[in-house]
Amino acid sequence: MAKEKKDERAEYIAELMDSVIDDTSVPRNIRAVVKEAKDKMQNSNEKKDIRITSSIYTLEDISNDVNMPVHTRTEIWQIISELEAVREKSKETK
């Protein structure tokens, strides 16, 4: 059951990222960074904590871009928040 919850949350985060990636009103460089963060998150060659932390740092770097639409900044903050929640949950289970 817990595995299903984790998978659902990962899918939800991926969907949030996809909504930014697919939004043509978002500058191309920002979409590319979100795609990079998504790829890092889904890289099964790394440990889960490393993947999540790497994705968070990647998104935090772009979150202050002056060219970013306000609605996108909010979405990125939501994605970061979800990733941090997953990271904290994984720390609790160790």
C-alpha atoms as a PDB file:
ATOM      1  CA  MET A   1       0.000   0.000   0.000  1.00  0.00           C
ATOM      2  CA  ALA A   2       2.772   2.459   0.912  1.00  0.00           C
ATOM      3  CA  LYS A   3       4.535   1.694  -2.379  1.00  0.00           C
ATOM      4  CA  GLU A   4       1.370   2.623  -4.290  1.00  0.00           C
ATOM      5  CA  LYS A   5       1.173   5.966  -2.447  1.00  0.00           C
ATOM      6  CA  LYS A   6       4.801   6.722  -3.342  1.00  0.00           C
ATOM      7  CA  ASP A   7       4.188   5.831  -6.973  1.00  0.00           C
ATOM      8  CA  GLU A   8       1.077   8.036  -7.071  1.00  0.00           C
ATOM      9  CA  ARG A   9       2.988  10.952  -5.593  1.00  0.00           C
ATOM     10  CA  ALA A  10       5.841  10.502  -8.077  1.00  0.00           C
ATOM     11  CA  GLU A  11       3.316  10.420 -10.923  1.00  0.00           C
ATOM     12  CA  TYR A  12       1.652  13.564  -9.567  1.00  0.00           C
ATOM     13  CA  ILE A  13       5.003  15.389  -9.430  1.00  0.00           C
ATOM     14  CA  ALA A  14       5.807  14.234 -12.965  1.00  0.00           C
ATOM     15  CA  GLU A  15       2.415  15.536 -14.141  1.00  0.00           C
ATOM     16  CA  LEU A  16       3.090  18.917 -12.524  1.00  0.00           C
ATOM     17  CA  MET A  17       6.433  19.055 -14.293  1.00  0.00           C
ATOM     18  CA  ASP A  18       4.829  18.036 -17.589  1.00  0.00           C
ATOM     19  CA  SER A  19       2.315  20.868 -17.292  1.00  0.00           C
ATOM     20  CA  VAL A  20       5.202  23.367 -17.149  1.00  0.00           C
ATOM     21  CA  ILE A  21       7.151  21.590 -19.908  1.00  0.00           C
ATOM     22  CA  ASP A  22       4.118  21.606 -22.217  1.00  0.00           C
ATOM     23  CA  ASP A  23       3.127  25.230 -21.508  1.00  0.00           C
ATOM     24  CA  THR A  24       4.209  27.272 -24.530  1.00  0.00           C
ATOM     25  CA  SER A  25       3.784  30.538 -22.599  1.00  0.00           C
ATOM     26  CA  VAL A  26       6.798  29.540 -20.497  1.00  0.00           C
ATOM     27  CA  PRO A  27      10.191  30.536 -21.928  1.00  0.00           C
ATOM     28  CA  ARG A  28      12.045  27.660 -23.585  1.00  0.00           C
ATOM     29  CA  ASN A  29      15.037  27.808 -21.221  1.00  0.00           C
ATOM     30  CA  ILE A  30      12.759  27.395 -18.188  1.00  0.00           C
ATOM     31  CA  ARG A  31      10.938  24.460 -19.772  1.00  0.00           C
ATOM     32  CA  ALA A  32      14.325  22.873 -20.525  1.00  0.00           C
ATOM     33  CA  VAL A  33      15.402  23.190 -16.892  1.00  0.00           C
ATOM     34  CA  VAL A  34      12.141  21.656 -15.652  1.00  0.00           C
ATOM     35  CA  LYS A  35      12.648  18.780 -18.116  1.00  0.00           C
ATOM     36  CA  GLU A  36      16.194  18.355 -16.805  1.00  0.00           C
ATOM     37  CA  ALA A  37      14.868  18.225 -13.219  1.00  0.00           C
ATOM     38  CA  LYS A  38      12.270  15.641 -14.250  1.00  0.00           C
ATOM     39  CA  ASP A  39      14.941  13.525 -15.942  1.00  0.00           C
ATOM     40  CA  LYS A  40      17.094  13.706 -12.805  1.00  0.00           C
ATOM     41  CA  MET A  41      14.128  12.661 -10.673  1.00  0.00           C
ATOM     42  CA  GLN A  42      13.465   9.644 -12.876  1.00  0.00           C
ATOM     43  CA  ASN A  43      17.101   8.529 -13.224  1.00  0.00           C
ATOM     44  CA  SER A  44      17.084   5.066 -11.680  1.00  0.00           C
ATOM     45  CA  ASN A  45      20.909   4.900 -11.633  1.00  0.00           C
ATOM     46  CA  GLU A  46      21.040   7.252  -8.629  1.00  0.00           C
ATOM     47  CA  LYS A  47      19.780   6.799  -5.078  1.00  0.00           C
ATOM     48  CA  LYS A  48      16.327   8.262  -4.491  1.00  0.00           C
ATOM     49  CA  ASP A  49      17.493  10.949  -2.038  1.00  0.00           C
ATOM     50  CA  ILE A  50      20.172  12.128  -4.456  1.00  0.00           C
ATOM     51  CA  ARG A  51      17.711  12.275  -7.361  1.00  0.00           C
ATOM     52  CA  ILE A  52      15.182  14.287  -5.387  1.00  0.00           C
ATOM     53  CA  THR A  53      17.745  16.689  -3.926  1.00  0.00           C
ATOM     54  CA  SER A  54      19.310  17.229  -7.338  1.00  0.00           C
ATOM     55  CA  SER A  55      15.896  18.002  -8.829  1.00  0.00           C
ATOM     56  CA  ILE A  56      15.113  20.442  -6.027  1.00  0.00           C
ATOM     57  CA  TYR A  57      18.391  22.329  -6.517  1.00  0.00           C
ATOM     58  CA  THR A  58      17.852  22.480 -10.265  1.00  0.00           C
ATOM     59  CA  LEU A  59      14.368  23.948  -9.816  1.00  0.00           C
ATOM     60  CA  GLU A  60      15.460  26.373  -7.097  1.00  0.00           C
ATOM     61  CA  ASP A  61      18.132  27.762  -9.419  1.00  0.00           C
ATOM     62  CA  ILE A  62      15.534  28.645 -12.053  1.00  0.00           C
ATOM     63  CA  SER A  63      12.762  29.755  -9.664  1.00  0.00           C
ATOM     64  CA  ASN A  64      14.074  33.325  -9.493  1.00  0.00           C
ATOM     65  CA  ASP A  65      14.369  33.838 -13.254  1.00  0.00           C
ATOM     66  CA  VAL A  66      12.984  37.299 -14.062  1.00  0.00           C
ATOM     67  CA  ASN A  67      11.488  36.059 -17.341  1.00  0.00           C
ATOM     68  CA  MET A  68       9.330  33.466 -15.642  1.00  0.00           C
ATOM     69  CA  PRO A  69       5.560  34.014 -15.708  1.00  0.00           C
ATOM     70  CA  VAL A  70       4.077  34.354 -12.222  1.00  0.00           C
ATOM     71  CA  HIS A  71       1.826  31.300 -12.603  1.00  0.00           C
ATOM     72  CA  THR A  72       4.854  29.198 -13.567  1.00  0.00           C
ATOM     73  CA  ARG A  73       6.819  30.367 -10.542  1.00  0.00           C
ATOM     74  CA  THR A  74       3.922  29.213  -8.360  1.00  0.00           C
ATOM     75  CA  GLU A  75       3.879  25.835 -10.114  1.00  0.00           C
ATOM     76  CA  ILE A  76       7.624  25.419  -9.633  1.00  0.00           C
ATOM     77  CA  TRP A  77       7.319  26.244  -5.938  1.00  0.00           C
ATOM     78  CA  GLN A  78       4.568  23.635  -5.681  1.00  0.00           C
ATOM     79  CA  ILE A  79       6.788  21.047  -7.393  1.00  0.00           C
ATOM     80  CA  ILE A  80       9.669  21.884  -5.034  1.00  0.00           C
ATOM     81  CA  SER A  81       7.321  21.562  -2.063  1.00  0.00           C
ATOM     82  CA  GLU A  82       6.109  18.147  -3.230  1.00  0.00           C
ATOM     83  CA  LEU A  83       9.688  16.964  -3.798  1.00  0.00           C
ATOM     84  CA  GLU A  84      10.708  18.152  -0.328  1.00  0.00           C
ATOM     85  CA  ALA A  85       7.762  16.300   1.203  1.00  0.00           C
ATOM     86  CA  VAL A  86       8.814  13.086  -0.558  1.00  0.00           C
ATOM     87  CA  ARG A  87      12.400  13.573   0.606  1.00  0.00           C
ATOM     88  CA  GLU A  88      11.286  14.095   4.216  1.00  0.00           C
ATOM     89  CA  LYS A  89       9.050  11.010   4.073  1.00  0.00           C
ATOM     90  CA  SER A  90      11.962   8.924   2.815  1.00  0.00           C
ATOM     91  CA  LYS A  91      14.124  10.182   5.706  1.00  0.00           C
ATOM     92  CA  GLU A  92      11.454   9.096   8.182  1.00  0.00           C
ATOM     93  CA  THR A  93      11.373   5.565   6.820  1.00  0.00           C
ATOM     94  CA  LYS A  94      15.117   5.061   7.228  1.00  0.00           C
END
